[in-house]
Amino acid sequence: MPTVPRQEFKRLPLRVHTLLAGVPLHDAWAIDLAHWRPGITLCQFLKVSPLLGMGFSPSVRTLFRLRRRIGKTFGWDRRSDLASTPTFVSQVPPEVCDQSVIEPGTPEGDFHVVYSLPNEHLSELRNNLVHGALSVALIEDEKFYRLYLGVFVLSINRFTPFYMAAIAPFRHWIVYPSILNTFRKNWNDCFGANEGEVSPPLTKPRL
């Protein structure tokens, strides 16, 4: 699995570390992408391959549909129950709002955009079990780009740890690996491979 140590993610020069200083970093993932050309930004990539329309695998779509059905049955996602919960969007500094290329609060599937900067994108998810955020960052190296995913989770109630433990196998073995592989495919489709070149493999686990 392409997980990376949390400390590696925390060392990245990202706005999210300040904004979500009190929110635990639950998972950190990374994938190395081909260096087709220098100067590609995350903002450029997400413009042609947005998170909302990135094209999940059939297994991930099935899991998402199942989660929505269960959530509807048990009322996990009722908006009225979330009205008193402060959002991460409401905590974004004005200067970051001004720099964001997507208006903070814009819906993104089940998420809402907190901010979107040239090489850093933060989305927020709230339901009656968790208040979470997905951070996507792109770092350029001389020979490759490294795309990071950071998953932040704030407990809402005593059921949050049990919920996260219950979905952990699905997230670790199906959802996030599929998302990262889709990122790689879309990256190559967007920026193109030079003849005779292949994209690098998934980063090896570093636990």
C-alpha atoms as a PDB file:
ATOM      1  CA  MET A   1       0.000   0.000   0.000  1.00  0.00           C
ATOM      2  CA  PRO A   2       1.328   3.488  -0.853  1.00  0.00           C
ATOM      3  CA  THR A   3       1.114   4.849   2.670  1.00  0.00           C
ATOM      4  CA  VAL A   4       3.783   7.215   3.935  1.00  0.00           C
ATOM      5  CA  PRO A   5       4.779   8.170   7.484  1.00  0.00           C
ATOM      6  CA  ARG A   6       2.623  10.927   8.915  1.00  0.00           C
ATOM      7  CA  GLN A   7       5.747  12.920   9.722  1.00  0.00           C
ATOM      8  CA  GLU A   8       6.684  13.045   6.037  1.00  0.00           C
ATOM      9  CA  PHE A   9       3.329  14.640   5.250  1.00  0.00           C
ATOM     10  CA  LYS A  10       3.560  16.979   8.223  1.00  0.00           C
ATOM     11  CA  ARG A  11       6.930  18.274   7.013  1.00  0.00           C
ATOM     12  CA  LEU A  12       5.446  19.507   3.739  1.00  0.00           C
ATOM     13  CA  PRO A  13       5.072  23.305   3.535  1.00  0.00           C
ATOM     14  CA  LEU A  14       1.274  23.274   3.372  1.00  0.00           C
ATOM     15  CA  ARG A  15      -1.403  25.648   4.642  1.00  0.00           C
ATOM     16  CA  VAL A  16      -3.403  22.731   5.984  1.00  0.00           C
ATOM     17  CA  HIS A  17      -1.011  22.214   8.893  1.00  0.00           C
ATOM     18  CA  THR A  18      -1.894  25.625  10.271  1.00  0.00           C
ATOM     19  CA  LEU A  19      -5.602  25.571   9.462  1.00  0.00           C
ATOM     20  CA  LEU A  20      -6.151  22.078  10.903  1.00  0.00           C
ATOM     21  CA  ALA A  21      -3.567  22.299  13.677  1.00  0.00           C
ATOM     22  CA  GLY A  22      -5.938  20.723  16.207  1.00  0.00           C
ATOM     23  CA  VAL A  23      -7.310  18.016  13.902  1.00  0.00           C
ATOM     24  CA  PRO A  24      -5.564  14.608  13.968  1.00  0.00           C
ATOM     25  CA  LEU A  25      -3.910  13.419  10.751  1.00  0.00           C
ATOM     26  CA  HIS A  26      -5.473   9.996  10.316  1.00  0.00           C
ATOM     27  CA  ASP A  27      -3.704   8.713   7.182  1.00  0.00           C
ATOM     28  CA  ALA A  28      -1.051   9.863   4.731  1.00  0.00           C
ATOM     29  CA  TRP A  29      -0.650   8.448   1.233  1.00  0.00           C
ATOM     30  CA  ALA A  30       1.567   9.225  -1.743  1.00  0.00           C
ATOM     31  CA  ILE A  31       2.121   8.238  -5.327  1.00  0.00           C
ATOM     32  CA  ASP A  32       4.989   9.141  -7.660  1.00  0.00           C
ATOM     33  CA  LEU A  33       3.947  10.482 -11.056  1.00  0.00           C
ATOM     34  CA  ALA A  34       5.919  10.722 -14.283  1.00  0.00           C
ATOM     35  CA  HIS A  35       7.852  13.949 -14.830  1.00  0.00           C
ATOM     36  CA  TRP A  36       6.563  14.563 -18.355  1.00  0.00           C
ATOM     37  CA  ARG A  37       7.581  18.208 -18.168  1.00  0.00           C
ATOM     38  CA  PRO A  38       8.542  20.727 -15.472  1.00  0.00           C
ATOM     39  CA  GLY A  39       6.218  23.241 -13.868  1.00  0.00           C
ATOM     40  CA  ILE A  40       2.957  21.273 -13.772  1.00  0.00           C
ATOM     41  CA  THR A  41       0.790  22.443 -10.882  1.00  0.00           C
ATOM     42  CA  LEU A  42      -1.921  20.624  -8.993  1.00  0.00           C
ATOM     43  CA  CYS A  43      -4.279  23.414  -9.994  1.00  0.00           C
ATOM     44  CA  GLN A  44      -3.621  22.676 -13.686  1.00  0.00           C
ATOM     45  CA  PHE A  45      -4.173  18.970 -13.146  1.00  0.00           C
ATOM     46  CA  LEU A  46      -7.422  19.369 -11.201  1.00  0.00           C
ATOM     47  CA  LYS A  47      -8.732  21.787 -13.818  1.00  0.00           C
ATOM     48  CA  VAL A  48      -8.691  19.031 -16.447  1.00  0.00           C
ATOM     49  CA  SER A  49      -9.255  16.166 -13.999  1.00  0.00           C
ATOM     50  CA  PRO A  50     -11.420  17.445 -11.127  1.00  0.00           C
ATOM     51  CA  LEU A  51     -11.819  15.317  -8.017  1.00  0.00           C
ATOM     52  CA  LEU A  52     -15.589  15.216  -8.509  1.00  0.00           C
ATOM     53  CA  GLY A  53     -15.323  13.738 -11.996  1.00  0.00           C
ATOM     54  CA  MET A  54     -12.090  11.760 -11.753  1.00  0.00           C
ATOM     55  CA  GLY A  55     -13.781   8.446 -12.564  1.00  0.00           C
ATOM     56  CA  PHE A  56     -13.674   5.983  -9.674  1.00  0.00           C
ATOM     57  CA  SER A  57     -13.394   2.246 -10.208  1.00  0.00           C
ATOM     58  CA  PRO A  58     -16.597   0.131 -10.147  1.00  0.00           C
ATOM     59  CA  SER A  59     -15.677  -1.313  -6.743  1.00  0.00           C
ATOM     60  CA  VAL A  60     -15.240   2.158  -5.230  1.00  0.00           C
ATOM     61  CA  ARG A  61     -18.501   3.414  -6.756  1.00  0.00           C
ATOM     62  CA  THR A  62     -20.266   0.374  -5.289  1.00  0.00           C
ATOM     63  CA  LEU A  63     -18.839   1.085  -1.835  1.00  0.00           C
ATOM     64  CA  PHE A  64     -19.872   4.750  -2.050  1.00  0.00           C
ATOM     65  CA  ARG A  65     -23.422   3.797  -3.043  1.00  0.00           C
ATOM     66  CA  LEU A  66     -23.603   1.303  -0.171  1.00  0.00           C
ATOM     67  CA  ARG A  67     -22.326   3.919   2.260  1.00  0.00           C
ATOM     68  CA  ARG A  68     -24.979   6.416   1.101  1.00  0.00           C
ATOM     69  CA  ARG A  69     -27.764   3.846   1.541  1.00  0.00           C
ATOM     70  CA  ILE A  70     -26.604   2.952   5.038  1.00  0.00           C
ATOM     71  CA  GLY A  71     -26.141   6.620   5.910  1.00  0.00           C
ATOM     72  CA  LYS A  72     -29.643   7.430   4.721  1.00  0.00           C
ATOM     73  CA  THR A  73     -31.093   4.567   6.748  1.00  0.00           C
ATOM     74  CA  PHE A  74     -29.401   5.638   9.985  1.00  0.00           C
ATOM     75  CA  GLY A  75     -29.534   9.394   9.403  1.00  0.00           C
ATOM     76  CA  TRP A  76     -25.770   9.865   9.393  1.00  0.00           C
ATOM     77  CA  ASP A  77     -25.859  12.648   6.809  1.00  0.00           C
ATOM     78  CA  ARG A  78     -28.865  14.748   7.824  1.00  0.00           C
ATOM     79  CA  ARG A  79     -27.903  18.374   7.220  1.00  0.00           C
ATOM     80  CA  SER A  80     -30.148  19.663   9.996  1.00  0.00           C
ATOM     81  CA  ASP A  81     -28.085  17.725  12.530  1.00  0.00           C
ATOM     82  CA  LEU A  82     -24.910  19.437  11.337  1.00  0.00           C
ATOM     83  CA  ALA A  83     -26.084  23.037  11.544  1.00  0.00           C
ATOM     84  CA  SER A  84     -24.332  23.714  14.844  1.00  0.00           C
ATOM     85  CA  THR A  85     -20.995  22.187  13.760  1.00  0.00           C
ATOM     86  CA  PRO A  86     -18.444  24.838  12.678  1.00  0.00           C
ATOM     87  CA  THR A  87     -16.945  24.178   9.266  1.00  0.00           C
ATOM     88  CA  PHE A  88     -13.298  24.280   8.252  1.00  0.00           C
ATOM     89  CA  VAL A  89     -14.343  26.643   5.462  1.00  0.00           C
ATOM     90  CA  SER A  90     -15.401  29.215   8.051  1.00  0.00           C
ATOM     91  CA  GLN A  91     -11.874  29.152   9.514  1.00  0.00           C
ATOM     92  CA  VAL A  92      -9.977  29.906   6.289  1.00  0.00           C
ATOM     93  CA  PRO A  93      -7.996  33.182   6.556  1.00  0.00           C
ATOM     94  CA  PRO A  94      -9.143  35.948   4.178  1.00  0.00           C
ATOM     95  CA  GLU A  95      -5.821  35.964   2.307  1.00  0.00           C
ATOM     96  CA  VAL A  96      -6.173  32.240   1.538  1.00  0.00           C
ATOM     97  CA  CYS A  97      -9.759  32.772   0.356  1.00  0.00           C
ATOM     98  CA  ASP A  98      -8.476  35.466  -1.985  1.00  0.00           C
ATOM     99  CA  GLN A  99      -5.793  33.144  -3.371  1.00  0.00           C
ATOM    100  CA  SER A 100      -8.108  30.154  -3.833  1.00  0.00           C
ATOM    101  CA  VAL A 101      -8.867  29.390  -7.488  1.00  0.00           C
ATOM    102  CA  ILE A 102     -12.121  27.692  -6.429  1.00  0.00           C
ATOM    103  CA  GLU A 103     -14.508  29.551  -4.170  1.00  0.00           C
ATOM    104  CA  PRO A 104     -14.375  28.101  -0.633  1.00  0.00           C
ATOM    105  CA  GLY A 105     -17.568  26.210   0.152  1.00  0.00           C
ATOM    106  CA  THR A 106     -18.110  25.010  -3.428  1.00  0.00           C
ATOM    107  CA  PRO A 107     -19.698  21.510  -3.409  1.00  0.00           C
ATOM    108  CA  GLU A 108     -17.410  18.687  -4.516  1.00  0.00           C
ATOM    109  CA  GLY A 109     -19.537  15.552  -4.421  1.00  0.00           C
ATOM    110  CA  ASP A 110     -20.078  14.694  -0.751  1.00  0.00           C
ATOM    111  CA  PHE A 111     -17.320  17.178   0.109  1.00  0.00           C
ATOM    112  CA  HIS A 112     -17.002  20.963   0.015  1.00  0.00           C
ATOM    113  CA  VAL A 113     -13.907  22.822  -1.137  1.00  0.00           C
ATOM    114  CA  VAL A 114     -12.097  24.557   1.722  1.00  0.00           C
ATOM    115  CA  TYR A 115      -9.522  26.160  -0.588  1.00  0.00           C
ATOM    116  CA  SER A 116      -7.646  25.340  -3.786  1.00  0.00           C
ATOM    117  CA  LEU A 117      -4.143  26.759  -4.267  1.00  0.00           C
ATOM    118  CA  PRO A 118      -1.617  26.095  -7.073  1.00  0.00           C
ATOM    119  CA  ASN A 119      -0.194  22.959  -5.432  1.00  0.00           C
ATOM    120  CA  GLU A 120      -2.542  22.319  -2.519  1.00  0.00           C
ATOM    121  CA  HIS A 121      -6.242  21.456  -2.431  1.00  0.00           C
ATOM    122  CA  LEU A 122      -8.316  20.915   0.718  1.00  0.00           C
ATOM    123  CA  SER A 123     -11.844  19.491   0.848  1.00  0.00           C
ATOM    124  CA  GLU A 124     -14.157  19.003   3.821  1.00  0.00           C
ATOM    125  CA  LEU A 125     -16.654  16.274   4.697  1.00  0.00           C
ATOM    126  CA  ARG A 126     -19.144  16.470   7.560  1.00  0.00           C
ATOM    127  CA  ASN A 127     -21.655  13.915   8.758  1.00  0.00           C
ATOM    128  CA  ASN A 128     -23.004  12.809  12.104  1.00  0.00           C
ATOM    129  CA  LEU A 129     -20.064  10.469  12.734  1.00  0.00           C
ATOM    130  CA  VAL A 130     -16.998  12.347  11.505  1.00  0.00           C
ATOM    131  CA  HIS A 131     -15.783  15.774  10.529  1.00  0.00           C
ATOM    132  CA  GLY A 132     -13.021  15.075   8.057  1.00  0.00           C
ATOM    133  CA  ALA A 133     -10.849  16.734   5.463  1.00  0.00           C
ATOM    134  CA  LEU A 134      -8.940  15.461   2.436  1.00  0.00           C
ATOM    135  CA  SER A 135      -5.737  17.308   1.603  1.00  0.00           C
ATOM    136  CA  VAL A 136      -4.177  16.838  -1.844  1.00  0.00           C
ATOM    137  CA  ALA A 137      -0.701  18.236  -2.505  1.00  0.00           C
ATOM    138  CA  LEU A 138       1.704  18.035  -5.433  1.00  0.00           C
ATOM    139  CA  ILE A 139       5.477  18.319  -4.953  1.00  0.00           C
ATOM    140  CA  GLU A 140       7.869  18.468  -7.921  1.00  0.00           C
ATOM    141  CA  ASP A 141      11.247  16.734  -7.867  1.00  0.00           C
ATOM    142  CA  GLU A 142      13.887  16.680 -10.612  1.00  0.00           C
ATOM    143  CA  LYS A 143      12.844  13.234 -11.830  1.00  0.00           C
ATOM    144  CA  PHE A 144       9.233  12.837 -10.711  1.00  0.00           C
ATOM    145  CA  TYR A 145       6.244  14.499  -9.109  1.00  0.00           C
ATOM    146  CA  ARG A 146       4.900  13.202  -5.807  1.00  0.00           C
ATOM    147  CA  LEU A 147       1.206  13.530  -5.115  1.00  0.00           C
ATOM    148  CA  TYR A 148       0.166  13.321  -1.466  1.00  0.00           C
ATOM    149  CA  LEU A 149      -3.177  12.620   0.173  1.00  0.00           C
ATOM    150  CA  GLY A 150      -3.647  13.555   3.816  1.00  0.00           C
ATOM    151  CA  VAL A 151      -6.775  12.413   5.645  1.00  0.00           C
ATOM    152  CA  PHE A 152      -7.736  14.424   8.730  1.00  0.00           C
ATOM    153  CA  VAL A 153     -10.496  13.213  11.045  1.00  0.00           C
ATOM    154  CA  LEU A 154     -12.109  15.050  13.941  1.00  0.00           C
ATOM    155  CA  SER A 155     -14.240  12.920  16.265  1.00  0.00           C
ATOM    156  CA  ILE A 156     -17.870  14.014  16.530  1.00  0.00           C
ATOM    157  CA  ASN A 157     -18.969  11.598  19.230  1.00  0.00           C
ATOM    158  CA  ARG A 158     -18.036   8.303  20.882  1.00  0.00           C
ATOM    159  CA  PHE A 159     -19.042   6.366  17.751  1.00  0.00           C
ATOM    160  CA  THR A 160     -16.408   8.023  15.547  1.00  0.00           C
ATOM    161  CA  PRO A 161     -13.513   5.641  16.445  1.00  0.00           C
ATOM    162  CA  PHE A 162     -15.725   2.596  15.849  1.00  0.00           C
ATOM    163  CA  TYR A 163     -16.917   3.956  12.513  1.00  0.00           C
ATOM    164  CA  MET A 164     -13.370   4.687  11.347  1.00  0.00           C
ATOM    165  CA  ALA A 165     -12.213   1.236  12.455  1.00  0.00           C
ATOM    166  CA  ALA A 166     -15.105  -0.410  10.608  1.00  0.00           C
ATOM    167  CA  ILE A 167     -14.345   1.287   7.287  1.00  0.00           C
ATOM    168  CA  ALA A 168     -10.543   1.066   7.609  1.00  0.00           C
ATOM    169  CA  PRO A 169     -10.120  -2.164   5.571  1.00  0.00           C
ATOM    170  CA  PHE A 170     -12.191  -0.731   2.717  1.00  0.00           C
ATOM    171  CA  ARG A 171     -10.287   2.573   2.749  1.00  0.00           C
ATOM    172  CA  HIS A 172      -6.855   0.969   2.973  1.00  0.00           C
ATOM    173  CA  TRP A 173      -7.287  -1.871   0.505  1.00  0.00           C
ATOM    174  CA  ILE A 174      -9.837  -0.554  -1.997  1.00  0.00           C
ATOM    175  CA  VAL A 175     -10.748   3.133  -1.869  1.00  0.00           C
ATOM    176  CA  TYR A 176      -7.471   5.033  -1.586  1.00  0.00           C
ATOM    177  CA  PRO A 177      -5.363   2.670  -3.743  1.00  0.00           C
ATOM    178  CA  SER A 178      -8.044   2.993  -6.430  1.00  0.00           C
ATOM    179  CA  ILE A 179      -8.093   6.784  -6.104  1.00  0.00           C
ATOM    180  CA  LEU A 180      -4.300   6.972  -6.422  1.00  0.00           C
ATOM    181  CA  ASN A 181      -4.259   4.697  -9.455  1.00  0.00           C
ATOM    182  CA  THR A 182      -6.962   6.841 -11.038  1.00  0.00           C
ATOM    183  CA  PHE A 183      -4.866   9.921 -10.327  1.00  0.00           C
ATOM    184  CA  ARG A 184      -1.951   8.270 -12.154  1.00  0.00           C
ATOM    185  CA  LYS A 185      -4.060   7.306 -15.185  1.00  0.00           C
ATOM    186  CA  ASN A 186      -5.608  10.771 -15.432  1.00  0.00           C
ATOM    187  CA  TRP A 187      -2.187  12.386 -15.017  1.00  0.00           C
ATOM    188  CA  ASN A 188      -0.778  10.410 -17.943  1.00  0.00           C
ATOM    189  CA  ASP A 189      -3.898  11.013 -20.020  1.00  0.00           C
ATOM    190  CA  CYS A 190      -3.674  14.754 -19.340  1.00  0.00           C
ATOM    191  CA  PHE A 191       0.027  15.318 -19.914  1.00  0.00           C
ATOM    192  CA  GLY A 192       0.947  12.436 -22.193  1.00  0.00           C
ATOM    193  CA  ALA A 193       3.747   9.915 -22.232  1.00  0.00           C
ATOM    194  CA  ASN A 194       6.787  10.316 -24.429  1.00  0.00           C
ATOM    195  CA  GLU A 195       7.273   7.425 -26.808  1.00  0.00           C
ATOM    196  CA  GLY A 196       9.102   4.551 -25.174  1.00  0.00           C
ATOM    197  CA  GLU A 197       8.595   5.884 -21.637  1.00  0.00           C
ATOM    198  CA  VAL A 198       6.433   4.445 -18.919  1.00  0.00           C
ATOM    199  CA  SER A 199       5.154   6.036 -15.745  1.00  0.00           C
ATOM    200  CA  PRO A 200       6.817   5.053 -12.447  1.00  0.00           C
ATOM    201  CA  PRO A 201       5.236   2.351 -10.272  1.00  0.00           C
ATOM    202  CA  LEU A 202       3.272   3.045  -7.125  1.00  0.00           C
ATOM    203  CA  THR A 203       5.510   4.030  -4.254  1.00  0.00           C
ATOM    204  CA  LYS A 204       6.319   1.138  -1.994  1.00  0.00           C
ATOM    205  CA  PRO A 205       4.906   1.036   1.513  1.00  0.00           C
ATOM    206  CA  ARG A 206       6.937   2.917   4.099  1.00  0.00           C
ATOM    207  CA  LEU A 207       5.465   2.066   7.460  1.00  0.00           C
END
